[in-house]
N, C-alpha and C. Protein backbone atom coordinates (compact mmCIF):
# COMPACT_ATOMS: atom_id res chain seq x y z
N MET A 1 -15.02 12.19 1.60
CA MET A 1 -14.16 12.46 3.31
C MET A 1 -12.57 10.80 2.80
N LYS A 2 -13.13 9.59 2.37
CA LYS A 2 -12.22 8.04 2.76
C LYS A 2 -11.69 8.61 0.85
N TRP A 3 -12.25 9.14 0.43
CA TRP A 3 -10.95 9.49 -1.03
C TRP A 3 -9.98 10.51 -0.48
N VAL A 4 -10.22 11.43 0.39
CA VAL A 4 -9.00 11.46 0.76
C VAL A 4 -7.91 11.39 1.81
N VAL A 5 -8.22 10.52 3.05
CA VAL A 5 -7.51 10.22 3.13
C VAL A 5 -7.07 8.48 3.12
N LEU A 6 -7.62 8.79 1.62
CA LEU A 6 -7.06 7.37 0.03
C LEU A 6 -6.12 7.73 -0.11
N VAL A 7 -6.07 8.79 -0.96
CA VAL A 7 -4.88 9.65 -1.87
C VAL A 7 -3.51 10.52 -0.35
N THR A 8 -4.21 10.38 0.47
CA THR A 8 -3.45 11.61 1.71
C THR A 8 -2.30 10.05 1.67
N THR A 9 -2.99 9.23 1.80
CA THR A 9 -1.61 7.93 2.45
C THR A 9 -0.84 6.80 1.07
N PHE A 10 -2.07 7.11 -0.30
CA PHE A 10 -0.77 6.81 -1.23
C PHE A 10 -0.08 8.21 -1.64
N LEU A 11 -0.20 8.68 -1.68
CA LEU A 11 0.37 10.10 -1.97
C LEU A 11 2.09 9.92 -0.91
N THR A 12 1.67 10.14 1.11
CA THR A 12 2.89 9.80 1.42
C THR A 12 3.45 8.63 1.56
N LEU A 13 2.61 7.71 0.12
CA LEU A 13 3.84 6.26 0.41
C LEU A 13 4.48 7.22 -0.89
N ALA A 14 3.81 7.49 -1.62
CA ALA A 14 4.18 7.47 -2.54
C ALA A 14 5.21 7.94 -3.07
N GLY A 15 5.66 9.26 -2.27
CA GLY A 15 7.47 10.26 -1.96
C GLY A 15 8.56 9.64 -1.92
N CYS A 16 9.51 9.63 -1.72
CA CYS A 16 10.68 10.15 -1.06
C CYS A 16 10.52 10.08 0.43
N ASN A 17 9.32 9.79 1.85
CA ASN A 17 9.38 9.77 2.85
C ASN A 17 9.70 9.09 4.06
N GLN A 18 11.10 8.75 3.74
CA GLN A 18 11.71 8.33 4.55
C GLN A 18 11.96 8.00 5.78
N GLN A 19 12.37 6.98 6.92
CA GLN A 19 13.06 7.76 7.87
C GLN A 19 14.27 7.19 8.13
N ASN A 20 15.18 7.69 8.89
CA ASN A 20 16.02 7.16 8.38
C ASN A 20 17.64 6.86 7.55
N SER A 21 16.64 8.70 6.44
CA SER A 21 17.79 8.11 5.05
C SER A 21 19.14 8.62 5.60
N THR A 22 20.05 7.40 4.84
CA THR A 22 21.36 7.94 4.26
C THR A 22 21.59 8.17 2.98
N GLU A 23 22.57 9.00 2.88
CA GLU A 23 23.42 9.49 1.59
C GLU A 23 24.78 8.25 2.06
N SER A 24 24.70 7.53 0.33
CA SER A 24 26.14 7.47 -0.02
C SER A 24 26.22 8.07 -0.99
N ASN A 25 28.60 7.95 -0.72
CA ASN A 25 29.46 8.63 -2.26
C ASN A 25 29.02 7.29 -3.39
N ALA A 26 28.90 7.32 -4.51
CA ALA A 26 28.25 5.32 -5.35
C ALA A 26 29.89 5.63 -5.77
N THR A 27 31.37 6.47 -5.58
CA THR A 27 32.60 6.10 -5.74
C THR A 27 33.42 5.71 -5.08
N ASP A 28 32.78 5.77 -4.02
CA ASP A 28 33.83 5.66 -3.29
C ASP A 28 33.16 4.10 -2.21
N VAL A 29 33.74 2.53 -2.89
CA VAL A 29 32.59 1.64 -2.21
C VAL A 29 32.89 1.49 -0.92
N THR A 30 33.04 1.08 0.00
CA THR A 30 33.60 0.04 0.91
C THR A 30 31.80 -0.61 2.04
N SER A 31 32.54 -1.02 3.68
CA SER A 31 32.62 -1.83 3.61
C SER A 31 30.94 -1.35 3.98
N GLU A 32 31.88 0.15 4.66
CA GLU A 32 30.34 0.74 4.71
C GLU A 32 29.01 1.51 4.14
N ASN A 33 29.64 2.18 3.28
CA ASN A 33 28.54 2.16 2.09
C ASN A 33 28.02 1.54 1.79
N ILE A 34 28.39 0.05 1.93
CA ILE A 34 27.86 -1.66 0.93
C ILE A 34 26.41 -1.16 1.71
N ALA A 35 26.60 -1.59 3.48
CA ALA A 35 25.86 -1.37 4.69
C ALA A 35 24.80 0.09 4.84
N SER A 36 25.29 1.23 4.81
CA SER A 36 24.43 1.99 4.20
C SER A 36 23.28 2.39 2.54
N SER A 37 23.64 1.19 1.75
CA SER A 37 23.41 1.30 0.76
C SER A 37 21.67 -0.09 0.69
N GLU A 38 22.64 -1.20 2.42
CA GLU A 38 21.10 -1.73 2.34
C GLU A 38 20.52 -0.89 3.53
N THR A 39 21.01 0.03 4.66
CA THR A 39 19.23 0.48 4.71
C THR A 39 18.90 1.70 4.22
N LEU A 40 19.36 1.86 4.12
CA LEU A 40 18.72 3.32 2.86
C LEU A 40 17.92 1.82 2.12
N ALA A 41 17.94 0.51 1.00
CA ALA A 41 16.68 -0.37 0.70
C ALA A 41 15.66 -0.78 1.51
N SER A 42 16.03 -0.66 3.32
CA SER A 42 14.99 -1.15 3.57
C SER A 42 14.17 0.21 4.31
N ASP A 43 14.88 1.03 4.70
CA ASP A 43 14.90 2.37 4.92
C ASP A 43 13.27 3.33 3.78
N LEU A 44 13.75 3.51 2.75
CA LEU A 44 12.74 2.71 1.07
C LEU A 44 11.20 1.98 1.74
N LEU A 45 11.12 0.93 2.26
CA LEU A 45 9.81 -0.47 2.58
C LEU A 45 9.50 0.03 3.35
N ILE A 46 9.76 1.19 5.03
CA ILE A 46 9.02 2.11 5.29
C ILE A 46 8.98 2.86 5.21
N ARG A 47 7.44 3.31 5.63
CA ARG A 47 7.13 4.78 5.24
C ARG A 47 6.36 5.27 5.66
N GLU A 48 5.65 6.62 6.46
CA GLU A 48 5.17 6.77 7.18
C GLU A 48 3.58 7.03 6.63
N THR A 49 2.71 7.52 7.22
CA THR A 49 1.74 7.33 6.84
C THR A 49 0.64 7.99 8.35
N GLN A 50 -0.34 9.26 7.39
CA GLN A 50 -1.07 9.63 9.03
C GLN A 50 -1.21 8.62 10.43
N PHE A 51 -1.88 7.59 9.91
CA PHE A 51 -2.86 6.46 10.48
C PHE A 51 -1.39 5.85 11.58
N GLY A 52 0.31 5.53 11.26
CA GLY A 52 1.25 5.35 11.86
C GLY A 52 1.86 4.68 9.96
N SER A 53 3.97 4.50 10.64
CA SER A 53 4.73 3.65 9.33
C SER A 53 3.51 1.95 9.02
N VAL A 54 4.59 1.85 7.47
CA VAL A 54 3.54 0.56 7.24
C VAL A 54 5.20 0.46 6.82
N MET A 55 5.15 -1.55 6.43
CA MET A 55 5.99 -1.63 5.80
C MET A 55 6.02 -2.86 4.53
N GLY A 56 6.56 -2.63 3.28
CA GLY A 56 6.62 -3.35 2.71
C GLY A 56 6.97 -4.04 1.84
N TYR A 57 7.70 -4.65 1.67
CA TYR A 57 8.64 -5.48 0.70
C TYR A 57 9.74 -5.11 -0.75
N GLU A 58 9.55 -5.72 -1.40
CA GLU A 58 10.77 -5.56 -2.50
C GLU A 58 10.63 -6.83 -3.75
N GLU A 59 10.25 -6.69 -4.51
CA GLU A 59 10.03 -7.82 -5.70
C GLU A 59 9.78 -7.28 -6.94
N ASP A 60 11.17 -7.91 -8.13
CA ASP A 60 10.42 -7.51 -9.50
C ASP A 60 11.24 -6.59 -9.81
N GLU A 61 11.77 -5.27 -8.92
CA GLU A 61 12.35 -3.92 -8.94
C GLU A 61 11.02 -2.78 -8.42
N ALA A 62 10.41 -3.94 -7.71
CA ALA A 62 8.90 -2.73 -7.40
C ALA A 62 8.33 -2.79 -5.71
N LEU A 63 8.39 -1.78 -4.97
CA LEU A 63 8.62 -1.78 -3.57
C LEU A 63 6.81 -1.60 -3.42
N ILE A 64 6.01 -2.75 -2.83
CA ILE A 64 4.99 -3.37 -2.87
C ILE A 64 4.43 -2.85 -0.92
N TRP A 65 3.37 -2.41 -0.85
CA TRP A 65 2.42 -2.72 0.84
C TRP A 65 1.36 -2.49 -0.12
N GLN A 66 0.91 -3.89 0.47
CA GLN A 66 -0.30 -4.67 0.59
C GLN A 66 -1.05 -4.50 2.23
N GLY A 67 -2.11 -4.20 1.63
CA GLY A 67 -3.47 -4.85 3.34
C GLY A 67 -3.17 -2.85 3.41
N ILE A 68 -2.97 -1.71 2.79
CA ILE A 68 -3.00 -0.99 4.97
C ILE A 68 -4.68 -0.32 4.41
N PRO A 69 -4.06 -0.17 6.10
CA PRO A 69 -6.60 0.25 6.24
C PRO A 69 -6.29 1.38 5.26
N TYR A 70 -8.14 2.10 5.42
CA TYR A 70 -8.12 3.77 4.43
C TYR A 70 -9.40 4.00 5.34
N GLY A 71 -9.72 2.86 5.95
CA GLY A 71 -11.18 2.86 7.00
C GLY A 71 -11.10 2.21 7.83
N GLY A 72 -12.56 2.88 8.90
CA GLY A 72 -11.78 1.96 10.35
C GLY A 72 -12.90 1.11 9.40
N ASP A 73 -13.54 -0.27 11.26
CA ASP A 73 -14.05 -1.31 11.16
C ASP A 73 -15.74 -1.04 10.23
N THR A 74 -16.20 -1.43 9.06
CA THR A 74 -17.62 -1.05 9.32
C THR A 74 -18.43 -2.90 8.67
N SER A 75 -18.02 -3.32 9.69
CA SER A 75 -18.81 -4.61 10.14
C SER A 75 -19.61 -4.64 11.32
N GLY A 76 -20.89 -6.07 10.91
CA GLY A 76 -22.16 -5.14 12.67
C GLY A 76 -22.02 -3.71 12.45
N GLU A 77 -22.83 -3.23 13.34
CA GLU A 77 -23.33 -1.76 13.88
C GLU A 77 -22.87 -1.00 12.92
N ASN A 78 -21.55 -1.09 12.48
CA ASN A 78 -21.07 0.24 11.86
C ASN A 78 -21.34 -0.34 9.54
N ARG A 79 -22.27 -1.29 9.60
CA ARG A 79 -22.73 -1.71 8.71
C ARG A 79 -22.89 -0.77 6.53
N TRP A 80 -23.72 0.17 8.39
CA TRP A 80 -24.84 0.41 6.98
C TRP A 80 -24.74 2.08 7.20
N GLN A 81 -23.32 2.33 8.16
CA GLN A 81 -22.69 3.41 8.68
C GLN A 81 -21.63 4.09 7.03
N ALA A 82 -21.66 5.58 7.43
CA ALA A 82 -20.35 6.69 7.13
C ALA A 82 -19.14 5.48 6.85
N PRO A 83 -17.58 6.11 6.75
CA PRO A 83 -16.58 5.26 6.86
C PRO A 83 -16.32 5.38 8.13
N THR A 84 -15.25 5.71 9.26
CA THR A 84 -14.16 6.86 10.13
C THR A 84 -12.94 5.91 9.11
N ASP A 85 -12.53 7.12 10.03
CA ASP A 85 -11.49 6.53 9.69
C ASP A 85 -10.36 5.32 10.36
N PRO A 86 -9.41 4.35 10.01
CA PRO A 86 -9.53 3.78 10.85
C PRO A 86 -8.10 3.97 12.17
N GLN A 87 -8.38 2.93 12.91
CA GLN A 87 -7.32 3.64 14.50
C GLN A 87 -5.94 3.17 13.62
N PRO A 88 -5.07 4.40 14.25
CA PRO A 88 -4.12 4.58 14.68
C PRO A 88 -3.33 3.40 15.04
N TRP A 89 -1.96 3.43 14.57
CA TRP A 89 -1.47 2.10 15.46
C TRP A 89 -0.08 2.93 15.75
N SER A 90 0.51 2.10 16.43
CA SER A 90 1.82 2.25 17.18
C SER A 90 3.45 1.80 16.39
N GLU A 91 2.93 1.13 16.77
CA GLU A 91 4.09 -0.19 15.57
C GLU A 91 4.23 -0.23 14.34
N THR A 92 5.34 -0.98 13.86
CA THR A 92 5.49 -0.25 12.69
C THR A 92 4.55 -1.54 11.70
N LEU A 93 2.79 -0.97 11.36
CA LEU A 93 2.53 -2.43 10.57
C LEU A 93 2.89 -2.52 9.26
N ASP A 94 2.51 -4.44 9.61
CA ASP A 94 3.36 -4.67 8.53
C ASP A 94 1.94 -4.99 7.41
N ALA A 95 2.49 -4.87 6.27
CA ALA A 95 2.38 -4.94 4.85
C ALA A 95 2.65 -6.02 3.55
N THR A 96 3.23 -6.60 4.38
CA THR A 96 3.35 -7.29 3.50
C THR A 96 2.81 -8.57 2.37
N GLN A 97 1.80 -8.54 3.14
CA GLN A 97 0.14 -9.30 2.92
C GLN A 97 -1.03 -9.03 2.31
N ALA A 98 -1.76 -9.41 1.54
CA ALA A 98 -3.15 -9.05 0.43
C ALA A 98 -3.38 -8.72 2.08
N GLY A 99 -4.45 -7.17 1.58
CA GLY A 99 -5.28 -6.99 2.56
C GLY A 99 -7.00 -8.34 3.24
N VAL A 100 -7.38 -8.16 3.90
CA VAL A 100 -9.05 -8.61 3.67
C VAL A 100 -9.46 -7.85 2.39
N VAL A 101 -10.99 -9.42 1.93
CA VAL A 101 -11.26 -8.98 1.05
C VAL A 101 -12.60 -8.95 0.38
N ALA A 102 -13.76 -7.86 0.25
CA ALA A 102 -14.80 -7.62 0.77
C ALA A 102 -15.73 -9.00 0.77
N LEU A 103 -16.58 -8.71 1.69
CA LEU A 103 -18.04 -9.80 1.62
C LEU A 103 -18.30 -10.21 -0.01
N GLN A 104 -18.45 -11.92 -0.54
CA GLN A 104 -19.01 -12.05 -1.49
C GLN A 104 -19.09 -12.99 -1.60
N ALA A 105 -19.70 -13.84 -2.30
CA ALA A 105 -20.34 -15.31 -3.06
C ALA A 105 -19.77 -15.85 -3.58
N GLY A 106 -19.68 -16.98 -3.86
CA GLY A 106 -18.24 -16.80 -5.01
C GLY A 106 -18.41 -18.31 -5.85
N ALA A 107 -17.61 -19.28 -6.32
CA ALA A 107 -17.88 -20.63 -7.21
C ALA A 107 -17.47 -21.08 -5.69
N ASP A 108 -16.99 -21.11 -4.26
CA ASP A 108 -16.42 -21.65 -2.96
C ASP A 108 -17.54 -21.32 -1.97
N GLY A 109 -18.54 -20.54 -2.03
CA GLY A 109 -19.11 -19.84 -1.35
C GLY A 109 -18.98 -18.26 -1.42
N VAL A 110 -19.45 -18.49 0.52
CA VAL A 110 -19.12 -16.64 1.14
C VAL A 110 -17.86 -17.18 1.15
N THR A 111 -17.04 -15.46 1.07
CA THR A 111 -15.46 -15.70 1.55
C THR A 111 -16.00 -14.23 1.89
N GLY A 112 -14.69 -13.86 2.11
CA GLY A 112 -14.35 -12.06 2.62
C GLY A 112 -15.25 -11.77 4.43
N SER A 113 -14.99 -10.20 4.39
CA SER A 113 -15.32 -9.86 5.47
C SER A 113 -15.67 -8.63 5.25
N GLU A 114 -16.93 -8.00 5.77
CA GLU A 114 -17.59 -6.70 6.13
C GLU A 114 -16.19 -6.07 6.07
N ASP A 115 -15.08 -6.09 6.90
CA ASP A 115 -14.34 -5.52 7.84
C ASP A 115 -13.26 -5.56 6.89
N ALA A 116 -12.91 -5.07 5.42
CA ALA A 116 -12.28 -4.19 4.62
C ALA A 116 -11.48 -3.62 3.58
N LEU A 117 -11.36 -2.58 4.17
CA LEU A 117 -11.42 -0.80 3.64
C LEU A 117 -10.01 -0.57 3.56
N ASN A 118 -9.14 -1.67 2.33
CA ASN A 118 -7.76 -2.14 2.46
C ASN A 118 -7.58 -1.17 1.38
N LEU A 119 -5.84 -1.04 0.96
CA LEU A 119 -5.73 -0.87 -0.42
C LEU A 119 -3.86 -0.98 -0.42
N ASP A 120 -3.35 -1.88 -2.02
CA ASP A 120 -1.98 -1.71 -1.90
C ASP A 120 -2.01 -1.14 -2.56
N ILE A 121 0.29 -0.69 -2.64
CA ILE A 121 -0.02 0.22 -3.30
C ILE A 121 2.33 -0.15 -4.25
N TYR A 122 1.89 -0.16 -5.63
CA TYR A 122 3.05 0.06 -5.43
C TYR A 122 4.09 1.17 -6.62
N ARG A 123 5.36 1.22 -6.54
CA ARG A 123 5.79 1.69 -6.81
C ARG A 123 7.33 1.06 -6.79
N PRO A 124 7.85 1.84 -8.81
CA PRO A 124 9.62 1.76 -8.82
C PRO A 124 10.32 1.64 -7.57
N ASN A 125 11.66 0.83 -7.82
CA ASN A 125 11.75 0.94 -7.22
C ASN A 125 13.24 1.75 -6.62
N ASN A 126 12.77 3.25 -6.64
CA ASN A 126 13.64 3.78 -7.11
C ASN A 126 13.57 5.51 -6.66
N GLU A 127 14.62 6.02 -6.17
CA GLU A 127 14.15 7.41 -5.87
C GLU A 127 13.22 8.87 -6.06
N THR A 128 13.24 7.98 -7.28
CA THR A 128 12.27 9.25 -7.81
C THR A 128 10.66 9.55 -7.23
N GLU A 129 10.68 11.41 -7.11
CA GLU A 129 9.30 11.65 -6.21
C GLU A 129 8.50 12.14 -8.10
N ASP A 130 7.81 12.69 -7.24
CA ASP A 130 6.04 13.53 -8.54
C ASP A 130 6.15 11.95 -8.96
N LEU A 131 6.02 10.78 -9.67
CA LEU A 131 5.46 9.73 -10.14
C LEU A 131 4.01 9.84 -10.35
N PRO A 132 3.55 9.35 -12.32
CA PRO A 132 2.31 9.30 -12.16
C PRO A 132 1.30 8.38 -11.33
N VAL A 133 0.53 8.30 -10.78
CA VAL A 133 -0.28 7.79 -10.29
C VAL A 133 -1.84 6.75 -10.55
N LEU A 134 -1.75 5.54 -11.30
CA LEU A 134 -3.13 4.60 -11.82
C LEU A 134 -3.57 4.53 -9.99
N VAL A 135 -4.95 4.64 -10.32
CA VAL A 135 -5.75 3.77 -9.52
C VAL A 135 -6.33 3.26 -10.38
N TYR A 136 -6.46 1.91 -9.67
CA TYR A 136 -7.10 0.41 -10.25
C TYR A 136 -8.40 0.21 -9.00
N ILE A 137 -9.24 0.51 -9.55
CA ILE A 137 -10.81 -0.14 -8.69
C ILE A 137 -11.84 -1.23 -9.57
N HIS A 138 -11.10 -2.45 -8.89
CA HIS A 138 -12.26 -3.69 -9.23
C HIS A 138 -13.70 -3.80 -9.82
N GLY A 139 -13.35 -3.94 -10.70
CA GLY A 139 -14.88 -4.55 -10.75
C GLY A 139 -15.95 -5.08 -10.98
N GLY A 140 -16.88 -6.07 -11.55
CA GLY A 140 -17.54 -6.90 -10.75
C GLY A 140 -18.89 -6.60 -9.70
N ASN A 141 -19.47 -5.27 -10.27
CA ASN A 141 -20.86 -5.25 -10.44
C ASN A 141 -21.30 -4.98 -9.48
N ASN A 142 -20.37 -4.40 -8.62
CA ASN A 142 -20.15 -4.83 -6.51
C ASN A 142 -20.79 -6.17 -6.05
N GLN A 143 -20.29 -7.02 -6.87
CA GLN A 143 -20.40 -7.93 -6.10
C GLN A 143 -19.37 -8.59 -5.83
N THR A 144 -18.00 -8.55 -7.35
CA THR A 144 -17.44 -9.40 -5.87
C THR A 144 -16.64 -8.27 -6.53
N GLY A 145 -15.56 -8.78 -6.55
CA GLY A 145 -13.31 -8.23 -7.25
C GLY A 145 -12.90 -8.04 -5.44
N GLN A 146 -11.24 -7.91 -6.07
CA GLN A 146 -9.96 -6.59 -5.06
C GLN A 146 -8.57 -6.43 -6.50
N ALA A 147 -8.69 -6.06 -4.33
CA ALA A 147 -7.73 -5.38 -5.12
C ALA A 147 -6.15 -5.57 -5.71
N GLN A 148 -6.99 -7.58 -5.94
CA GLN A 148 -5.14 -7.91 -5.77
C GLN A 148 -5.80 -8.67 -7.61
N GLU A 149 -7.02 -8.40 -7.92
CA GLU A 149 -7.04 -8.63 -9.04
C GLU A 149 -5.86 -8.99 -10.43
N ILE A 150 -5.31 -7.90 -10.17
CA ILE A 150 -4.25 -6.56 -10.98
C ILE A 150 -2.72 -6.90 -9.93
N SER A 151 -2.27 -7.75 -10.57
CA SER A 151 -1.07 -6.64 -9.42
C SER A 151 0.21 -5.49 -10.55
N GLY A 152 0.28 -4.69 -10.00
CA GLY A 152 1.19 -3.37 -10.57
C GLY A 152 2.34 -3.57 -10.25
N LYS A 153 2.74 -4.99 -10.22
CA LYS A 153 4.51 -4.91 -10.34
C LYS A 153 5.08 -4.51 -11.21
N SER A 154 4.77 -5.52 -12.68
CA SER A 154 5.36 -5.18 -14.01
C SER A 154 5.19 -3.56 -14.78
N PHE A 155 3.88 -2.66 -13.97
CA PHE A 155 3.78 -1.85 -14.87
C PHE A 155 4.75 -0.36 -14.64
N VAL A 156 4.52 -0.83 -12.48
CA VAL A 156 5.62 0.81 -11.73
C VAL A 156 7.17 0.02 -12.38
N SER A 157 7.43 -0.89 -12.78
CA SER A 157 8.39 -1.27 -13.42
C SER A 157 9.06 -0.45 -14.93
N SER A 158 8.18 -1.34 -15.27
CA SER A 158 7.78 -0.41 -16.88
C SER A 158 6.89 0.66 -17.77
N GLN A 159 6.90 1.20 -16.57
CA GLN A 159 6.30 2.22 -16.67
C GLN A 159 6.61 4.11 -15.45
N ASP A 160 7.41 3.41 -14.90
CA ASP A 160 9.06 4.28 -13.97
C ASP A 160 7.30 5.45 -13.17
N ALA A 161 6.05 4.61 -13.02
CA ALA A 161 4.86 5.05 -11.48
C ALA A 161 4.61 4.48 -10.85
N ILE A 162 3.65 5.31 -10.31
CA ILE A 162 2.50 4.18 -9.00
C ILE A 162 1.26 3.35 -9.36
N VAL A 163 0.76 2.04 -8.39
CA VAL A 163 -0.21 2.02 -9.27
C VAL A 163 -0.74 1.88 -7.25
N VAL A 164 -2.23 2.07 -7.37
CA VAL A 164 -2.68 1.87 -6.11
C VAL A 164 -3.78 1.19 -6.65
N SER A 165 -4.32 -0.30 -6.01
CA SER A 165 -5.39 -0.78 -6.21
C SER A 165 -5.82 -0.38 -4.76
N VAL A 166 -7.36 -0.84 -4.93
CA VAL A 166 -8.52 -0.93 -3.89
C VAL A 166 -9.60 -1.87 -3.18
N ASN A 167 -9.45 -2.48 -1.65
CA ASN A 167 -10.56 -2.71 -1.58
C ASN A 167 -11.54 -2.10 -0.87
N TYR A 168 -12.93 -2.64 -1.45
CA TYR A 168 -14.00 -1.57 -0.34
C TYR A 168 -15.03 -2.63 -0.28
N ARG A 169 -16.11 -1.71 0.54
CA ARG A 169 -17.47 -2.53 0.78
C ARG A 169 -18.52 -2.70 -0.61
N LEU A 170 -18.86 -4.06 -0.80
CA LEU A 170 -19.86 -3.91 -2.41
C LEU A 170 -20.46 -4.39 -1.61
């Protein structure tokens, strides 16, 4: 069930489901069209998910959303339970920072959280629809790892594809 939510979330972000989309005539350059172009770029960064809207950022010709929850809290009494849906949010979620990584031991001690069901999405900064999707699930022998091990920025720009990387319980 969680994979259905995960797939739905990134496919929603992958498409051109824009809020307040503005079309402009590229041959008629005016200050109004420049403002419309800036609005369109901003609209590309805000996408709707089934739990609420998310806002990402643009970097190196890639649109990026990080730390998007795809499951509910898995800590405490929920530790050994099946994951649930995240709590819906009404305000636009700031998806410009990496999500929390799963609890794990490392050279610097224990890091992360038990509540780490989140994902990152990278897509080219264009309006192309129906792009191929690569899902990256980090390794780490179910003991270590994080979605940010490999950035999808360069891949999406050079391959015109979408990359989704997942943080999950270890």
